[in-house]
Amino acid sequence: MDLDLFDLLGLGKDPGDFTSLQVSLRAAVIFFTALILVRFGAKRFLARNTAFDVILAFILGSTLSRTINNSAPLLPTIVACLVLVLLHRLLAALSFHFHHIGSLLKGNAEKLISDGKIDPAVMRKHYLSEKDLMEALRLKSTDNPAGVKSAYIERNGDVSVVSREKKS
């Protein structure tokens, strides 16, 4: 029995004719390809959760998954995903060097609380209710806005909190 890589991956076959082994091997190839692409994409790629990063993750997952059931060709799809990761890295580098590009791609942090006073306009802009804000404060170990020096809604949607210094 002479099996080559072409046959093992079901290349050139109709998806309805795939064996379980072929689908499994294609899934393994895509898994390792995705792992390499994500590692090449840099550490921040899945850690930041900004729209800029999440969009790439969705597109990669969606595009690569199509190769498993052969609704997209294997090699051209992998190349397209590599181009997307390279584009992401390029835009991330440009964002690092040019603040206005970073703001355009990732947004800006906005102050929610300043010296214990909540800014209702910023809360409205981000559809952040008082209950949402209080939850975020509790998760940062405070439950009283008056004890907060400043709080920001960050570019990734998280709320960061700087507490007032306690006097001894």
C-alpha atoms as a PDB file:
ATOM      1  CA  MET A   1       0.000   0.000   0.000  1.00  0.00           C
ATOM      2  CA  ASP A   2       1.713   3.140  -1.249  1.00  0.00           C
ATOM      3  CA  LEU A   3       0.281   6.226   0.463  1.00  0.00           C
ATOM      4  CA  ASP A   4       1.769   9.626  -0.147  1.00  0.00           C
ATOM      5  CA  LEU A   5       1.071  12.932   1.595  1.00  0.00           C
ATOM      6  CA  PHE A   6      -1.280  13.940  -1.223  1.00  0.00           C
ATOM      7  CA  ASP A   7      -3.498  10.913  -0.553  1.00  0.00           C
ATOM      8  CA  LEU A   8      -3.189  11.098   3.241  1.00  0.00           C
ATOM      9  CA  LEU A   9      -4.526  14.660   3.270  1.00  0.00           C
ATOM     10  CA  GLY A  10      -7.196  13.961   0.654  1.00  0.00           C
ATOM     11  CA  LEU A  11      -5.834  16.666  -1.626  1.00  0.00           C
ATOM     12  CA  GLY A  12      -7.802  16.743  -4.855  1.00  0.00           C
ATOM     13  CA  LYS A  13     -10.648  14.688  -3.377  1.00  0.00           C
ATOM     14  CA  ASP A  14     -14.262  15.611  -2.885  1.00  0.00           C
ATOM     15  CA  PRO A  15     -14.907  16.304   0.827  1.00  0.00           C
ATOM     16  CA  GLY A  16     -17.666  13.693   0.818  1.00  0.00           C
ATOM     17  CA  ASP A  17     -15.038  11.073  -0.008  1.00  0.00           C
ATOM     18  CA  PHE A  18     -12.752  11.906   2.931  1.00  0.00           C
ATOM     19  CA  THR A  19     -11.991   9.175   5.411  1.00  0.00           C
ATOM     20  CA  SER A  20     -11.845   9.846   9.143  1.00  0.00           C
ATOM     21  CA  LEU A  21      -8.071   9.559   8.921  1.00  0.00           C
ATOM     22  CA  GLN A  22      -7.890  12.243   6.210  1.00  0.00           C
ATOM     23  CA  VAL A  23     -10.078  14.681   8.147  1.00  0.00           C
ATOM     24  CA  SER A  24      -8.073  13.982  11.307  1.00  0.00           C
ATOM     25  CA  LEU A  25      -4.749  14.539   9.552  1.00  0.00           C
ATOM     26  CA  ARG A  26      -6.020  17.757   7.949  1.00  0.00           C
ATOM     27  CA  ALA A  27      -7.179  18.932  11.376  1.00  0.00           C
ATOM     28  CA  ALA A  28      -3.743  18.153  12.837  1.00  0.00           C
ATOM     29  CA  VAL A  29      -1.997  20.033  10.011  1.00  0.00           C
ATOM     30  CA  ILE A  30      -4.271  23.041  10.565  1.00  0.00           C
ATOM     31  CA  PHE A  31      -3.762  22.885  14.338  1.00  0.00           C
ATOM     32  CA  PHE A  32       0.018  23.013  14.012  1.00  0.00           C
ATOM     33  CA  THR A  33      -0.188  25.626  11.258  1.00  0.00           C
ATOM     34  CA  ALA A  34      -2.394  27.810  13.469  1.00  0.00           C
ATOM     35  CA  LEU A  35      -0.021  27.301  16.400  1.00  0.00           C
ATOM     36  CA  ILE A  36       2.939  28.425  14.282  1.00  0.00           C
ATOM     37  CA  LEU A  37       0.995  31.415  12.921  1.00  0.00           C
ATOM     38  CA  VAL A  38      -0.088  32.514  16.390  1.00  0.00           C
ATOM     39  CA  ARG A  39       3.444  32.130  17.773  1.00  0.00           C
ATOM     40  CA  PHE A  40       4.772  34.094  14.810  1.00  0.00           C
ATOM     41  CA  GLY A  41       2.102  36.713  15.410  1.00  0.00           C
ATOM     42  CA  ALA A  42       3.794  37.726  18.679  1.00  0.00           C
ATOM     43  CA  LYS A  43       2.840  37.281  22.315  1.00  0.00           C
ATOM     44  CA  ARG A  44       0.393  40.174  22.420  1.00  0.00           C
ATOM     45  CA  PHE A  45      -1.776  38.737  19.654  1.00  0.00           C
ATOM     46  CA  LEU A  46      -4.142  36.750  21.890  1.00  0.00           C
ATOM     47  CA  ALA A  47      -3.384  38.452  25.184  1.00  0.00           C
ATOM     48  CA  ARG A  48      -4.657  41.970  24.503  1.00  0.00           C
ATOM     49  CA  ASN A  49      -8.263  41.335  23.468  1.00  0.00           C
ATOM     50  CA  THR A  50      -8.518  44.595  21.558  1.00  0.00           C
ATOM     51  CA  ALA A  51     -10.738  44.578  18.481  1.00  0.00           C
ATOM     52  CA  PHE A  52      -7.537  44.821  16.439  1.00  0.00           C
ATOM     53  CA  ASP A  53      -6.320  41.492  17.868  1.00  0.00           C
ATOM     54  CA  VAL A  54      -9.643  39.682  18.218  1.00  0.00           C
ATOM     55  CA  ILE A  55     -10.580  40.299  14.576  1.00  0.00           C
ATOM     56  CA  LEU A  56      -7.404  38.544  13.449  1.00  0.00           C
ATOM     57  CA  ALA A  57      -8.197  35.574  15.699  1.00  0.00           C
ATOM     58  CA  PHE A  58     -11.724  35.265  14.267  1.00  0.00           C
ATOM     59  CA  ILE A  59     -10.536  35.517  10.681  1.00  0.00           C
ATOM     60  CA  LEU A  60      -7.750  32.995  11.199  1.00  0.00           C
ATOM     61  CA  GLY A  61     -10.064  30.513  12.903  1.00  0.00           C
ATOM     62  CA  SER A  62     -12.748  30.895  10.291  1.00  0.00           C
ATOM     63  CA  THR A  63     -10.388  30.712   7.340  1.00  0.00           C
ATOM     64  CA  LEU A  64      -8.287  27.827   8.595  1.00  0.00           C
ATOM     65  CA  SER A  65     -11.303  25.746   9.619  1.00  0.00           C
ATOM     66  CA  ARG A  66     -12.513  25.738   6.016  1.00  0.00           C
ATOM     67  CA  THR A  67      -9.435  23.763   4.976  1.00  0.00           C
ATOM     68  CA  ILE A  68     -10.314  20.869   7.252  1.00  0.00           C
ATOM     69  CA  ASN A  69     -13.467  19.989   5.317  1.00  0.00           C
ATOM     70  CA  ASN A  70     -11.897  21.036   1.982  1.00  0.00           C
ATOM     71  CA  SER A  71     -14.193  23.990   1.335  1.00  0.00           C
ATOM     72  CA  ALA A  72     -10.990  25.997   0.818  1.00  0.00           C
ATOM     73  CA  PRO A  73      -7.696  24.830  -0.703  1.00  0.00           C
ATOM     74  CA  LEU A  74      -5.044  23.934   1.864  1.00  0.00           C
ATOM     75  CA  LEU A  75      -1.858  25.690   0.733  1.00  0.00           C
ATOM     76  CA  PRO A  76      -3.375  28.953  -0.609  1.00  0.00           C
ATOM     77  CA  THR A  77      -5.402  29.307   2.605  1.00  0.00           C
ATOM     78  CA  ILE A  78      -2.321  28.845   4.774  1.00  0.00           C
ATOM     79  CA  VAL A  79      -0.484  31.440   2.679  1.00  0.00           C
ATOM     80  CA  ALA A  80      -3.435  33.863   3.008  1.00  0.00           C
ATOM     81  CA  CYS A  81      -3.396  33.403   6.793  1.00  0.00           C
ATOM     82  CA  LEU A  82       0.351  34.052   6.866  1.00  0.00           C
ATOM     83  CA  VAL A  83      -0.274  37.304   4.957  1.00  0.00           C
ATOM     84  CA  LEU A  84      -2.918  38.288   7.557  1.00  0.00           C
ATOM     85  CA  VAL A  85      -0.518  37.634  10.437  1.00  0.00           C
ATOM     86  CA  LEU A  86       2.216  39.626   8.687  1.00  0.00           C
ATOM     87  CA  LEU A  87      -0.243  42.479   8.084  1.00  0.00           C
ATOM     88  CA  HIS A  88      -1.230  42.379  11.772  1.00  0.00           C
ATOM     89  CA  ARG A  89       2.447  42.566  12.792  1.00  0.00           C
ATOM     90  CA  LEU A  90       3.068  45.447  10.409  1.00  0.00           C
ATOM     91  CA  LEU A  91       0.085  47.395  11.725  1.00  0.00           C
ATOM     92  CA  ALA A  92       1.127  46.645  15.318  1.00  0.00           C
ATOM     93  CA  ALA A  93       4.637  47.955  14.568  1.00  0.00           C
ATOM     94  CA  LEU A  94       3.213  51.084  12.936  1.00  0.00           C
ATOM     95  CA  SER A  95       0.919  51.554  15.945  1.00  0.00           C
ATOM     96  CA  PHE A  96       3.916  51.317  18.236  1.00  0.00           C
ATOM     97  CA  HIS A  97       5.869  53.951  16.339  1.00  0.00           C
ATOM     98  CA  PHE A  98       3.010  56.292  15.421  1.00  0.00           C
ATOM     99  CA  HIS A  99       0.517  57.153  18.155  1.00  0.00           C
ATOM    100  CA  HIS A 100      -2.196  58.336  15.742  1.00  0.00           C
ATOM    101  CA  ILE A 101      -2.164  54.984  13.933  1.00  0.00           C
ATOM    102  CA  GLY A 102      -2.409  53.186  17.279  1.00  0.00           C
ATOM    103  CA  SER A 103      -5.366  55.351  18.247  1.00  0.00           C
ATOM    104  CA  LEU A 104      -7.059  54.702  14.935  1.00  0.00           C
ATOM    105  CA  LEU A 105      -6.588  50.923  15.084  1.00  0.00           C
ATOM    106  CA  LYS A 106      -6.958  50.313  18.808  1.00  0.00           C
ATOM    107  CA  GLY A 107      -8.797  53.331  20.214  1.00  0.00           C
ATOM    108  CA  ASN A 108      -7.907  55.309  23.330  1.00  0.00           C
ATOM    109  CA  ALA A 109      -8.427  54.936  27.054  1.00  0.00           C
ATOM    110  CA  GLU A 110     -10.971  57.342  28.556  1.00  0.00           C
ATOM    111  CA  LYS A 111     -11.243  58.521  32.153  1.00  0.00           C
ATOM    112  CA  LEU A 112     -14.359  57.247  33.948  1.00  0.00           C
ATOM    113  CA  ILE A 113     -13.528  58.512  37.437  1.00  0.00           C
ATOM    114  CA  SER A 114     -11.391  61.481  38.412  1.00  0.00           C
ATOM    115  CA  ASP A 115     -10.751  62.123  42.113  1.00  0.00           C
ATOM    116  CA  GLY A 116     -13.765  60.060  43.127  1.00  0.00           C
ATOM    117  CA  LYS A 117     -16.148  61.747  40.665  1.00  0.00           C
ATOM    118  CA  ILE A 118     -17.778  59.613  37.966  1.00  0.00           C
ATOM    119  CA  ASP A 119     -18.000  61.061  34.444  1.00  0.00           C
ATOM    120  CA  PRO A 120     -21.515  60.155  33.240  1.00  0.00           C
ATOM    121  CA  ALA A 121     -20.773  61.298  29.654  1.00  0.00           C
ATOM    122  CA  VAL A 122     -17.986  58.717  29.289  1.00  0.00           C
ATOM    123  CA  MET A 123     -20.218  56.041  30.831  1.00  0.00           C
ATOM    124  CA  ARG A 124     -23.020  56.878  28.361  1.00  0.00           C
ATOM    125  CA  LYS A 125     -20.598  56.886  25.425  1.00  0.00           C
ATOM    126  CA  HIS A 126     -19.513  53.324  26.265  1.00  0.00           C
ATOM    127  CA  TYR A 127     -22.944  52.107  27.411  1.00  0.00           C
ATOM    128  CA  LEU A 128     -21.470  51.394  30.827  1.00  0.00           C
ATOM    129  CA  SER A 129     -24.153  51.331  33.501  1.00  0.00           C
ATOM    130  CA  GLU A 130     -23.542  52.233  37.127  1.00  0.00           C
ATOM    131  CA  LYS A 131     -23.899  48.535  37.990  1.00  0.00           C
ATOM    132  CA  ASP A 132     -21.235  47.683  35.378  1.00  0.00           C
ATOM    133  CA  LEU A 133     -18.897  50.272  36.857  1.00  0.00           C
ATOM    134  CA  MET A 134     -19.493  49.085  40.410  1.00  0.00           C
ATOM    135  CA  GLU A 135     -18.790  45.497  39.337  1.00  0.00           C
ATOM    136  CA  ALA A 136     -15.523  46.592  37.710  1.00  0.00           C
ATOM    137  CA  LEU A 137     -14.536  48.479  40.870  1.00  0.00           C
ATOM    138  CA  ARG A 138     -15.286  45.468  43.067  1.00  0.00           C
ATOM    139  CA  LEU A 139     -13.170  43.285  40.796  1.00  0.00           C
ATOM    140  CA  LYS A 140     -10.338  45.759  41.423  1.00  0.00           C
ATOM    141  CA  SER A 141     -10.843  45.476  45.218  1.00  0.00           C
ATOM    142  CA  THR A 142     -12.783  48.651  45.875  1.00  0.00           C
ATOM    143  CA  ASP A 143     -16.490  49.296  46.116  1.00  0.00           C
ATOM    144  CA  ASN A 144     -16.577  53.054  46.514  1.00  0.00           C
ATOM    145  CA  PRO A 145     -15.849  55.506  43.677  1.00  0.00           C
ATOM    146  CA  ALA A 146     -14.907  58.128  46.284  1.00  0.00           C
ATOM    147  CA  GLY A 147     -11.851  56.017  47.139  1.00  0.00           C
ATOM    148  CA  VAL A 148     -10.685  56.035  43.527  1.00  0.00           C
ATOM    149  CA  LYS A 149      -8.108  58.546  42.328  1.00  0.00           C
ATOM    150  CA  SER A 150      -8.796  57.635  38.696  1.00  0.00           C
ATOM    151  CA  ALA A 151     -10.406  54.886  36.655  1.00  0.00           C
ATOM    152  CA  TYR A 152     -10.238  54.402  32.913  1.00  0.00           C
ATOM    153  CA  ILE A 153     -12.074  52.356  30.365  1.00  0.00           C
ATOM    154  CA  GLU A 154      -9.113  50.945  28.485  1.00  0.00           C
ATOM    155  CA  ARG A 155      -8.750  50.290  24.766  1.00  0.00           C
ATOM    156  CA  ASN A 156      -9.677  46.649  25.247  1.00  0.00           C
ATOM    157  CA  GLY A 157     -12.827  47.503  27.262  1.00  0.00           C
ATOM    158  CA  ASP A 158     -11.403  46.645  30.686  1.00  0.00           C
ATOM    159  CA  VAL A 159     -11.674  49.120  33.528  1.00  0.00           C
ATOM    160  CA  SER A 160      -8.413  50.002  35.265  1.00  0.00           C
ATOM    161  CA  VAL A 161      -8.414  51.628  38.695  1.00  0.00           C
ATOM    162  CA  VAL A 162      -5.874  53.739  40.585  1.00  0.00           C
ATOM    163  CA  SER A 163      -6.875  53.951  44.252  1.00  0.00           C
ATOM    164  CA  ARG A 164      -6.260  56.963  46.406  1.00  0.00           C
ATOM    165  CA  GLU A 165      -3.288  56.623  48.696  1.00  0.00           C
ATOM    166  CA  LYS A 166      -4.390  55.881  52.235  1.00  0.00           C
ATOM    167  CA  LYS A 167      -3.068  58.258  54.881  1.00  0.00           C
ATOM    168  CA  SER A 168      -1.366  56.560  57.830  1.00  0.00           C
END
